[in-house]
Amino acid sequence: MAAHFEEIILSKTAIRTVGNMAHSEKPHISVEGIDMPLADDRVTVDMILRALEFATRPTV
């Protein structure tokens, strides 16, 4: 996880992730997230804003 945040800090760009909850035996739940670096001075990342959305798909 630390490497993920380090990548955001060094690149100073937002990173989008997508997946599902198969690791929790719930593959019908999809996940989409975005991590956005925030910098007051546009140089030093002060904070990373994270948003996640979970959605269920119908099971067959």
PDB file of N, CA and C in Angstrom:
ATOM      1  N   MET A   1       0.827  -1.197   0.000  1.00  0.00           N
ATOM      2  CA  MET A   1       0.000   0.000   0.000  1.00  0.00           C
ATOM      3  C   MET A   1       0.868   1.257   0.000  1.00  0.00           C
ATOM      4  N   ALA A   2       1.964   1.247   0.737  1.00  0.00           N
ATOM      5  CA  ALA A   2       2.823   2.433   0.799  1.00  0.00           C
ATOM      6  C   ALA A   2       3.389   2.765  -0.575  1.00  0.00           C
ATOM      7  N   ALA A   3       3.696   1.753  -1.374  1.00  0.00           N
ATOM      8  CA  ALA A   3       4.230   1.996  -2.717  1.00  0.00           C
ATOM      9  C   ALA A   3       3.198   2.701  -3.594  1.00  0.00           C
ATOM     10  N   HIS A   4       1.927   2.371  -3.389  1.00  0.00           N
ATOM     11  CA  HIS A   4       0.845   3.016  -4.143  1.00  0.00           C
ATOM     12  C   HIS A   4       0.826   4.516  -3.855  1.00  0.00           C
ATOM     13  N   PHE A   5       0.893   4.878  -2.576  1.00  0.00           N
ATOM     14  CA  PHE A   5       0.882   6.298  -2.213  1.00  0.00           C
ATOM     15  C   PHE A   5       2.166   6.992  -2.664  1.00  0.00           C
ATOM     16  N   GLU A   6       3.279   6.295  -2.609  1.00  0.00           N
ATOM     17  CA  GLU A   6       4.541   6.879  -3.067  1.00  0.00           C
ATOM     18  C   GLU A   6       4.466   7.204  -4.556  1.00  0.00           C
ATOM     19  N   GLU A   7       3.836   6.316  -5.330  1.00  0.00           N
ATOM     20  CA  GLU A   7       3.676   6.565  -6.760  1.00  0.00           C
ATOM     21  C   GLU A   7       2.839   7.820  -7.014  1.00  0.00           C
ATOM     22  N   ILE A   8       1.774   7.999  -6.245  1.00  0.00           N
ATOM     23  CA  ILE A   8       0.923   9.193  -6.389  1.00  0.00           C
ATOM     24  C   ILE A   8       1.713  10.454  -6.050  1.00  0.00           C
ATOM     25  N   ILE A   9       2.475  10.402  -4.973  1.00  0.00           N
ATOM     26  CA  ILE A   9       3.253  11.570  -4.540  1.00  0.00           C
ATOM     27  C   ILE A   9       4.320  11.927  -5.561  1.00  0.00           C
ATOM     28  N   LEU A  10       5.033  10.929  -6.074  1.00  0.00           N
ATOM     29  CA  LEU A  10       6.112  11.205  -7.026  1.00  0.00           C
ATOM     30  C   LEU A  10       5.583  11.657  -8.389  1.00  0.00           C
ATOM     31  N   SER A  11       4.489  11.055  -8.860  1.00  0.00           N
ATOM     32  CA  SER A  11       3.972  11.400 -10.184  1.00  0.00           C
ATOM     33  C   SER A  11       3.077  12.642 -10.160  1.00  0.00           C
ATOM     34  N   LYS A  12       2.516  12.950  -8.966  1.00  0.00           N
ATOM     35  CA  LYS A  12       1.606  14.089  -8.804  1.00  0.00           C
ATOM     36  C   LYS A  12       0.424  14.013  -9.766  1.00  0.00           C
ATOM     37  N   THR A  13      -0.038  12.788 -10.041  1.00  0.00           N
ATOM     38  CA  THR A  13      -1.199  12.584 -10.894  1.00  0.00           C
ATOM     39  C   THR A  13      -2.191  11.666 -10.184  1.00  0.00           C
ATOM     40  N   ALA A  14      -3.439  11.781 -10.565  1.00  0.00           N
ATOM     41  CA  ALA A  14      -4.482  10.922  -9.999  1.00  0.00           C
ATOM     42  C   ALA A  14      -4.327   9.504 -10.546  1.00  0.00           C
ATOM     43  N   ILE A  15      -4.654   8.531  -9.725  1.00  0.00           N
ATOM     44  CA  ILE A  15      -4.580   7.134 -10.130  1.00  0.00           C
ATOM     45  C   ILE A  15      -5.943   6.493  -9.908  1.00  0.00           C
ATOM     46  N   ARG A  16      -6.462   5.875 -10.968  1.00  0.00           N
ATOM     47  CA  ARG A  16      -7.766   5.196 -10.924  1.00  0.00           C
ATOM     48  C   ARG A  16      -7.532   3.701 -10.765  1.00  0.00           C
ATOM     49  N   THR A  17      -8.342   3.057  -9.942  1.00  0.00           N
ATOM     50  CA  THR A  17      -8.268   1.608  -9.770  1.00  0.00           C
ATOM     51  C   THR A  17      -9.664   1.015  -9.938  1.00  0.00           C
ATOM     52  N   VAL A  18      -9.716  -0.192 -10.481  1.00  0.00           N
ATOM     53  CA  VAL A  18     -10.979  -0.911 -10.631  1.00  0.00           C
ATOM     54  C   VAL A  18     -10.754  -2.364 -10.237  1.00  0.00           C
ATOM     55  N   GLY A  19     -11.801  -3.002  -9.791  1.00  0.00           N
ATOM     56  CA  GLY A  19     -11.693  -4.405  -9.425  1.00  0.00           C
ATOM     57  C   GLY A  19     -13.001  -4.919  -8.868  1.00  0.00           C
ATOM     58  N   ASN A  20     -12.902  -6.036  -8.146  1.00  0.00           N
ATOM     59  CA  ASN A  20     -14.078  -6.594  -7.496  1.00  0.00           C
ATOM     60  C   ASN A  20     -13.665  -7.180  -6.152  1.00  0.00           C
ATOM     61  N   MET A  21     -14.626  -7.684  -5.435  1.00  0.00           N
ATOM     62  CA  MET A  21     -14.380  -8.196  -4.084  1.00  0.00           C
ATOM     63  C   MET A  21     -14.220  -9.712  -4.076  1.00  0.00           C
ATOM     64  N   ALA A  22     -13.677 -10.279  -5.159  1.00  0.00           N
ATOM     65  CA  ALA A  22     -13.506 -11.732  -5.253  1.00  0.00           C
ATOM     66  C   ALA A  22     -12.656 -12.279  -4.108  1.00  0.00           C
ATOM     67  N   HIS A  23     -11.696 -11.496  -3.625  1.00  0.00           N
ATOM     68  CA  HIS A  23     -10.838 -11.952  -2.525  1.00  0.00           C
ATOM     69  C   HIS A  23     -11.639 -12.167  -1.238  1.00  0.00           C
ATOM     70  N   SER A  24     -12.822 -11.567  -1.150  1.00  0.00           N
ATOM     71  CA  SER A  24     -13.705 -11.739   0.011  1.00  0.00           C
ATOM     72  C   SER A  24     -14.875 -12.663  -0.318  1.00  0.00           C
ATOM     73  N   GLU A  25     -14.705 -13.442  -1.389  1.00  0.00           N
ATOM     74  CA  GLU A  25     -15.746 -14.358  -1.859  1.00  0.00           C
ATOM     75  C   GLU A  25     -17.037 -13.623  -2.221  1.00  0.00           C
ATOM     76  N   LYS A  26     -16.885 -12.389  -2.737  1.00  0.00           N
ATOM     77  CA  LYS A  26     -18.037 -11.588  -3.168  1.00  0.00           C
ATOM     78  C   LYS A  26     -17.736 -10.962  -4.536  1.00  0.00           C
ATOM     79  N   PRO A  27     -17.512 -11.801  -5.554  1.00  0.00           N
ATOM     80  CA  PRO A  27     -17.146 -11.253  -6.869  1.00  0.00           C
ATOM     81  C   PRO A  27     -18.248 -10.434  -7.518  1.00  0.00           C
ATOM     82  N   HIS A  28     -19.480 -10.504  -6.996  1.00  0.00           N
ATOM     83  CA  HIS A  28     -20.588  -9.722  -7.556  1.00  0.00           C
ATOM     84  C   HIS A  28     -20.540  -8.259  -7.129  1.00  0.00           C
ATOM     85  N   ILE A  29     -19.594  -7.904  -6.258  1.00  0.00           N
ATOM     86  CA  ILE A  29     -19.436  -6.509  -5.842  1.00  0.00           C
ATOM     87  C   ILE A  29     -18.235  -5.918  -6.572  1.00  0.00           C
ATOM     88  N   SER A  30     -18.492  -4.918  -7.404  1.00  0.00           N
ATOM     89  CA  SER A  30     -17.398  -4.253  -8.111  1.00  0.00           C
ATOM     90  C   SER A  30     -16.977  -3.004  -7.346  1.00  0.00           C
ATOM     91  N   VAL A  31     -15.709  -2.632  -7.552  1.00  0.00           N
ATOM     92  CA  VAL A  31     -15.139  -1.483  -6.847  1.00  0.00           C
ATOM     93  C   VAL A  31     -14.422  -0.598  -7.870  1.00  0.00           C
ATOM     94  N   GLU A  32     -14.638   0.705  -7.757  1.00  0.00           N
ATOM     95  CA  GLU A  32     -13.888   1.669  -8.558  1.00  0.00           C
ATOM     96  C   GLU A  32     -13.407   2.759  -7.615  1.00  0.00           C
ATOM     97  N   GLY A  33     -12.144   3.120  -7.728  1.00  0.00           N
ATOM     98  CA  GLY A  33     -11.598   4.125  -6.835  1.00  0.00           C
ATOM     99  C   GLY A  33     -10.690   5.097  -7.565  1.00  0.00           C
ATOM    100  N   ILE A  34     -10.483   6.236  -6.943  1.00  0.00           N
ATOM    101  CA  ILE A  34      -9.546   7.220  -7.472  1.00  0.00           C
ATOM    102  C   ILE A  34      -8.813   7.859  -6.294  1.00  0.00           C
ATOM    103  N   ASP A  35      -7.513   8.021  -6.467  1.00  0.00           N
ATOM    104  CA  ASP A  35      -6.676   8.708  -5.483  1.00  0.00           C
ATOM    105  C   ASP A  35      -6.147   9.973  -6.150  1.00  0.00           C
ATOM    106  N   MET A  36      -6.427  11.121  -5.532  1.00  0.00           N
ATOM    107  CA  MET A  36      -6.054  12.405  -6.125  1.00  0.00           C
ATOM    108  C   MET A  36      -5.124  13.176  -5.202  1.00  0.00           C
ATOM    109  N   PRO A  37      -3.920  13.504  -5.664  1.00  0.00           N
ATOM    110  CA  PRO A  37      -3.004  14.289  -4.831  1.00  0.00           C
ATOM    111  C   PRO A  37      -3.436  15.747  -4.781  1.00  0.00           C
ATOM    112  N   LEU A  38      -3.373  16.333  -3.612  1.00  0.00           N
ATOM    113  CA  LEU A  38      -3.714  17.743  -3.429  1.00  0.00           C
ATOM    114  C   LEU A  38      -2.473  18.492  -2.959  1.00  0.00           C
ATOM    115  N   ALA A  39      -2.156  19.606  -3.616  1.00  0.00           N
ATOM    116  CA  ALA A  39      -0.980  20.398  -3.272  1.00  0.00           C
ATOM    117  C   ALA A  39      -1.327  21.880  -3.324  1.00  0.00           C
ATOM    118  N   ASP A  40      -1.220  22.546  -2.191  1.00  0.00           N
ATOM    119  CA  ASP A  40      -1.512  23.979  -2.143  1.00  0.00           C
ATOM    120  C   ASP A  40      -0.587  24.778  -3.055  1.00  0.00           C
ATOM    121  N   ASP A  41       0.681  24.412  -3.060  1.00  0.00           N
ATOM    122  CA  ASP A  41       1.667  25.166  -3.849  1.00  0.00           C
ATOM    123  C   ASP A  41       1.938  24.532  -5.220  1.00  0.00           C
ATOM    124  N   ARG A  42       1.179  23.486  -5.576  1.00  0.00           N
ATOM    125  CA  ARG A  42       1.339  22.755  -6.844  1.00  0.00           C
ATOM    126  C   ARG A  42       2.694  22.055  -6.960  1.00  0.00           C
ATOM    127  N   VAL A  43       3.422  21.934  -5.860  1.00  0.00           N
ATOM    128  CA  VAL A  43       4.726  21.266  -5.864  1.00  0.00           C
ATOM    129  C   VAL A  43       4.741  20.123  -4.852  1.00  0.00           C
ATOM    130  N   THR A  44       4.416  20.431  -3.612  1.00  0.00           N
ATOM    131  CA  THR A  44       4.465  19.460  -2.532  1.00  0.00           C
ATOM    132  C   THR A  44       3.067  18.894  -2.274  1.00  0.00           C
ATOM    133  N   VAL A  45       2.940  17.567  -2.361  1.00  0.00           N
ATOM    134  CA  VAL A  45       1.648  16.935  -2.102  1.00  0.00           C
ATOM    135  C   VAL A  45       1.372  17.007  -0.602  1.00  0.00           C
ATOM    136  N   ASP A  46       0.293  17.707  -0.241  1.00  0.00           N
ATOM    137  CA  ASP A  46      -0.077  17.885   1.162  1.00  0.00           C
ATOM    138  C   ASP A  46      -1.029  16.801   1.646  1.00  0.00           C
ATOM    139  N   MET A  47      -1.827  16.276   0.718  1.00  0.00           N
ATOM    140  CA  MET A  47      -2.880  15.347   1.107  1.00  0.00           C
ATOM    141  C   MET A  47      -3.270  14.521  -0.119  1.00  0.00           C
ATOM    142  N   ILE A  48      -3.760  13.320   0.113  1.00  0.00           N
ATOM    143  CA  ILE A  48      -4.293  12.506  -0.967  1.00  0.00           C
ATOM    144  C   ILE A  48      -5.770  12.268  -0.670  1.00  0.00           C
ATOM    145  N   LEU A  49      -6.616  12.686  -1.594  1.00  0.00           N
ATOM    146  CA  LEU A  49      -8.059  12.506  -1.458  1.00  0.00           C
ATOM    147  C   LEU A  49      -8.430  11.209  -2.159  1.00  0.00           C
ATOM    148  N   ARG A  50      -9.112  10.328  -1.446  1.00  0.00           N
ATOM    149  CA  ARG A  50      -9.489   9.029  -2.002  1.00  0.00           C
ATOM    150  C   ARG A  50     -11.004   8.916  -2.043  1.00  0.00           C
ATOM    151  N   ALA A  51     -11.504   8.400  -3.171  1.00  0.00           N
ATOM    152  CA  ALA A  51     -12.934   8.148  -3.315  1.00  0.00           C
ATOM    153  C   ALA A  51     -13.103   6.714  -3.796  1.00  0.00           C
ATOM    154  N   LEU A  52     -14.052   6.007  -3.209  1.00  0.00           N
ATOM    155  CA  LEU A  52     -14.355   4.631  -3.614  1.00  0.00           C
ATOM    156  C   LEU A  52     -15.842   4.503  -3.872  1.00  0.00           C
ATOM    157  N   GLU A  53     -16.177   3.698  -4.884  1.00  0.00           N
ATOM    158  CA  GLU A  53     -17.582   3.400  -5.149  1.00  0.00           C
ATOM    159  C   GLU A  53     -17.727   1.887  -5.245  1.00  0.00           C
ATOM    160  N   PHE A  54     -18.675   1.346  -4.527  1.00  0.00           N
ATOM    161  CA  PHE A  54     -18.977  -0.071  -4.549  1.00  0.00           C
ATOM    162  C   PHE A  54     -20.329  -0.252  -5.215  1.00  0.00           C
ATOM    163  N   ALA A  55     -20.445  -1.245  -6.096  1.00  0.00           N
ATOM    164  CA  ALA A  55     -21.709  -1.506  -6.776  1.00  0.00           C
ATOM    165  C   ALA A  55     -21.918  -3.015  -6.855  1.00  0.00           C
ATOM    166  N   THR A  56     -23.160  -3.424  -6.736  1.00  0.00           N
ATOM    167  CA  THR A  56     -23.456  -4.852  -6.839  1.00  0.00           C
ATOM    168  C   THR A  56     -23.986  -5.167  -8.225  1.00  0.00           C
ATOM    169  N   ARG A  57     -23.600  -6.334  -8.711  1.00  0.00           N
ATOM    170  CA  ARG A  57     -24.114  -6.854  -9.971  1.00  0.00           C
ATOM    171  C   ARG A  57     -25.055  -7.997  -9.634  1.00  0.00           C
ATOM    172  N   PRO A  58     -26.067  -8.194 -10.439  1.00  0.00           N
ATOM    173  CA  PRO A  58     -26.975  -9.311 -10.181  1.00  0.00           C
ATOM    174  C   PRO A  58     -26.226 -10.642 -10.239  1.00  0.00           C
ATOM    175  N   THR A  59     -26.518 -11.522  -9.325  1.00  0.00           N
ATOM    176  CA  THR A  59     -25.926 -12.871  -9.352  1.00  0.00           C
ATOM    177  C   THR A  59     -26.822 -13.783 -10.152  1.00  0.00           C
ATOM    178  N   VAL A  60     -26.220 -14.728 -10.798  1.00  0.00           N
ATOM    179  CA  VAL A  60     -26.992 -15.646 -11.671  1.00  0.00           C
ATOM    180  C   VAL A  60     -27.306 -16.914 -10.926  1.00  0.00           C
TER     181      VAL A  60
END
